Amino acid sequence: MEQLVSDSLARQRFLVLLFGIFAGLALLLACIGIYGVLAYLAGQRVPEIGVRIALGATAHEVIWLVLRHSLLMILAGIGVGLLAALGAARLLERFVEGVRSIEPVAFAVMVTILIAAGLFASWLPARRASKVDPIIALRYE
């Protein structure tokens, strides 16, 4: 009996594994994209960060400045994504038989994971920005 149950669930297990792998790859690509954008934006702000450090800003203040900027962009992206996901869920619910309504717990977990991944991806540019030498930064332009 256990063999019959295992065989009947093998396809579903494979699909869940496949979706999990693709979701992990999508999250990795999103983190790489966030890192690239934030590294570029932090590079554009090198003179400003150099002046802040020259005037006495600590490394923690500079890290918080970059992370706050990235958090605002992450929250804006999540807001747009949530609206699109809610619209797509309603559309699927209407046209596809058997699709359940929106799960608030799933959305809460998804938002938490995305915020954590976005902040993790923006940590390295923030750390790099905090180690800018003010003299080199002021000579930058």
Protein backbone atom coordinates (compact mmCIF):
# COMPACT_ATOMS: atom_id res chain seq x y z
CA MET A 1 0.00 0.00 0.00
CA GLU A 2 2.83 2.39 0.86
CA GLN A 3 4.40 1.69 -2.54
CA LEU A 4 1.14 2.59 -4.31
CA VAL A 5 0.88 5.86 -2.39
CA SER A 6 4.54 6.69 -3.09
CA ASP A 7 4.14 5.93 -6.79
CA SER A 8 0.99 8.03 -7.07
CA LEU A 9 2.73 11.02 -5.46
CA ALA A 10 6.00 10.71 -7.39
CA ARG A 11 4.89 13.08 -10.17
CA GLN A 12 3.72 15.72 -7.71
CA ARG A 13 6.99 15.47 -5.77
CA PHE A 14 8.96 15.90 -8.98
CA LEU A 15 6.92 18.96 -9.97
CA VAL A 16 7.33 20.52 -6.51
CA LEU A 17 11.08 19.92 -6.70
CA LEU A 18 11.20 21.42 -10.19
CA PHE A 19 9.20 24.50 -9.15
CA GLY A 20 11.42 24.90 -6.08
CA ILE A 21 14.57 24.82 -8.22
CA PHE A 22 13.15 27.40 -10.62
CA ALA A 23 11.99 29.60 -7.73
CA GLY A 24 15.48 29.43 -6.20
CA LEU A 25 17.06 30.37 -9.52
CA ALA A 26 14.65 33.26 -9.93
CA LEU A 27 15.48 34.52 -6.44
CA LEU A 28 19.21 34.21 -7.18
CA LEU A 29 18.83 36.18 -10.42
CA ALA A 30 16.81 38.84 -8.61
CA CYS A 31 19.55 39.16 -5.97
CA ILE A 32 22.20 39.49 -8.66
CA GLY A 33 20.12 42.20 -10.36
CA ILE A 34 19.58 44.10 -7.12
CA TYR A 35 23.29 43.87 -6.36
CA GLY A 36 24.16 45.22 -9.81
CA VAL A 37 21.77 48.15 -9.59
CA LEU A 38 22.84 49.08 -6.07
CA ALA A 39 26.54 48.77 -6.89
CA TYR A 40 26.00 51.13 -9.82
CA LEU A 41 23.98 53.61 -7.74
CA ALA A 42 26.53 53.53 -4.92
CA GLY A 43 29.29 54.12 -7.46
CA GLN A 44 27.42 57.17 -8.74
CA ARG A 45 27.26 58.56 -5.20
CA VAL A 46 30.97 58.15 -4.38
CA PRO A 47 31.64 61.93 -4.18
CA GLU A 48 28.65 62.46 -1.89
CA ILE A 49 29.65 59.55 0.33
CA GLY A 50 33.23 60.83 0.40
CA VAL A 51 32.05 64.24 1.58
CA ARG A 52 29.86 62.63 4.24
CA ILE A 53 32.79 60.57 5.51
CA ALA A 54 35.10 63.61 5.41
CA LEU A 55 32.57 65.54 7.50
CA GLY A 56 32.48 62.79 10.12
CA ALA A 57 29.92 60.22 9.07
CA THR A 58 30.63 56.79 10.51
CA ALA A 59 30.67 53.57 8.53
CA HIS A 60 27.36 52.53 10.11
CA GLU A 61 25.71 55.77 8.99
CA VAL A 62 26.90 55.28 5.42
CA ILE A 63 25.75 51.64 5.41
CA TRP A 64 22.36 52.71 6.75
CA LEU A 65 22.13 55.43 4.06
CA VAL A 66 22.67 52.92 1.25
CA LEU A 67 20.45 50.25 2.84
CA ARG A 68 17.64 52.75 3.41
CA HIS A 69 17.79 53.79 -0.24
CA SER A 70 17.71 50.15 -1.34
CA LEU A 71 14.89 49.31 1.07
CA LEU A 72 12.72 52.04 -0.45
CA MET A 73 13.31 50.58 -3.92
CA ILE A 74 12.67 47.04 -2.67
CA LEU A 75 9.40 48.06 -1.00
CA ALA A 76 8.25 49.88 -4.14
CA GLY A 77 9.00 46.78 -6.22
CA ILE A 78 7.21 44.53 -3.76
CA GLY A 79 4.18 46.83 -3.78
CA VAL A 80 3.92 46.69 -7.55
CA GLY A 81 4.53 42.94 -7.50
CA LEU A 82 1.84 42.36 -4.87
CA LEU A 83 -0.71 44.29 -6.88
CA ALA A 84 0.16 42.29 -9.98
CA ALA A 85 0.05 39.01 -8.04
CA LEU A 86 -3.35 39.83 -6.54
CA GLY A 87 -4.70 40.68 -9.98
CA ALA A 88 -3.27 37.50 -11.50
CA ALA A 89 -4.67 35.41 -8.64
CA ARG A 90 -8.15 36.84 -9.17
CA LEU A 91 -7.87 36.23 -12.90
CA LEU A 92 -6.73 32.63 -12.40
CA GLU A 93 -9.45 32.06 -9.83
CA ARG A 94 -12.05 33.13 -12.36
CA PHE A 95 -10.77 31.24 -15.40
CA VAL A 96 -9.08 28.11 -14.01
CA GLU A 97 -11.18 25.52 -12.22
CA GLY A 98 -9.88 24.46 -8.80
CA VAL A 99 -7.63 27.43 -8.08
CA ARG A 100 -8.05 28.53 -4.47
CA SER A 101 -8.36 32.10 -3.32
CA ILE A 102 -5.42 34.18 -2.14
CA GLU A 103 -3.46 32.79 0.82
CA PRO A 104 -2.39 35.65 3.13
CA VAL A 105 0.21 33.46 4.86
CA ALA A 106 1.86 32.62 1.53
CA PHE A 107 1.99 36.30 0.58
CA ALA A 108 3.43 37.23 3.99
CA VAL A 109 6.15 34.58 3.72
CA MET A 110 6.91 35.64 0.15
CA VAL A 111 7.22 39.32 1.09
CA THR A 112 9.47 38.50 4.05
CA ILE A 113 11.76 36.34 1.91
CA LEU A 114 11.94 38.99 -0.82
CA ILE A 115 12.77 41.79 1.61
CA ALA A 116 15.46 39.67 3.28
CA ALA A 117 16.95 38.67 -0.09
CA GLY A 118 16.91 42.27 -1.31
CA LEU A 119 18.65 43.56 1.81
CA PHE A 120 21.17 40.73 1.62
CA ALA A 121 21.94 41.62 -2.00
CA SER A 122 22.37 45.30 -1.11
CA TRP A 123 24.65 44.64 1.88
CA LEU A 124 27.85 44.30 -0.16
CA PRO A 125 27.46 47.62 -2.04
CA ALA A 126 26.62 49.29 1.28
CA ARG A 127 29.76 47.89 2.93
CA ARG A 128 31.87 48.91 -0.05
CA ALA A 129 30.43 52.43 0.09
CA SER A 130 31.27 52.71 3.78
CA LYS A 131 34.94 52.04 3.05
CA VAL A 132 35.35 54.86 0.53
CA ASP A 133 38.48 56.92 1.10
CA PRO A 134 37.37 60.57 1.31
CA ILE A 135 40.47 61.90 -0.48
CA ILE A 136 40.02 59.56 -3.44
CA ALA A 137 36.29 60.24 -3.50
CA LEU A 138 36.80 64.00 -3.61
CA ARG A 139 39.26 63.60 -6.48
CA TYR A 140 36.77 61.34 -8.26
CA GLU A 141 35.38 64.08 -10.48
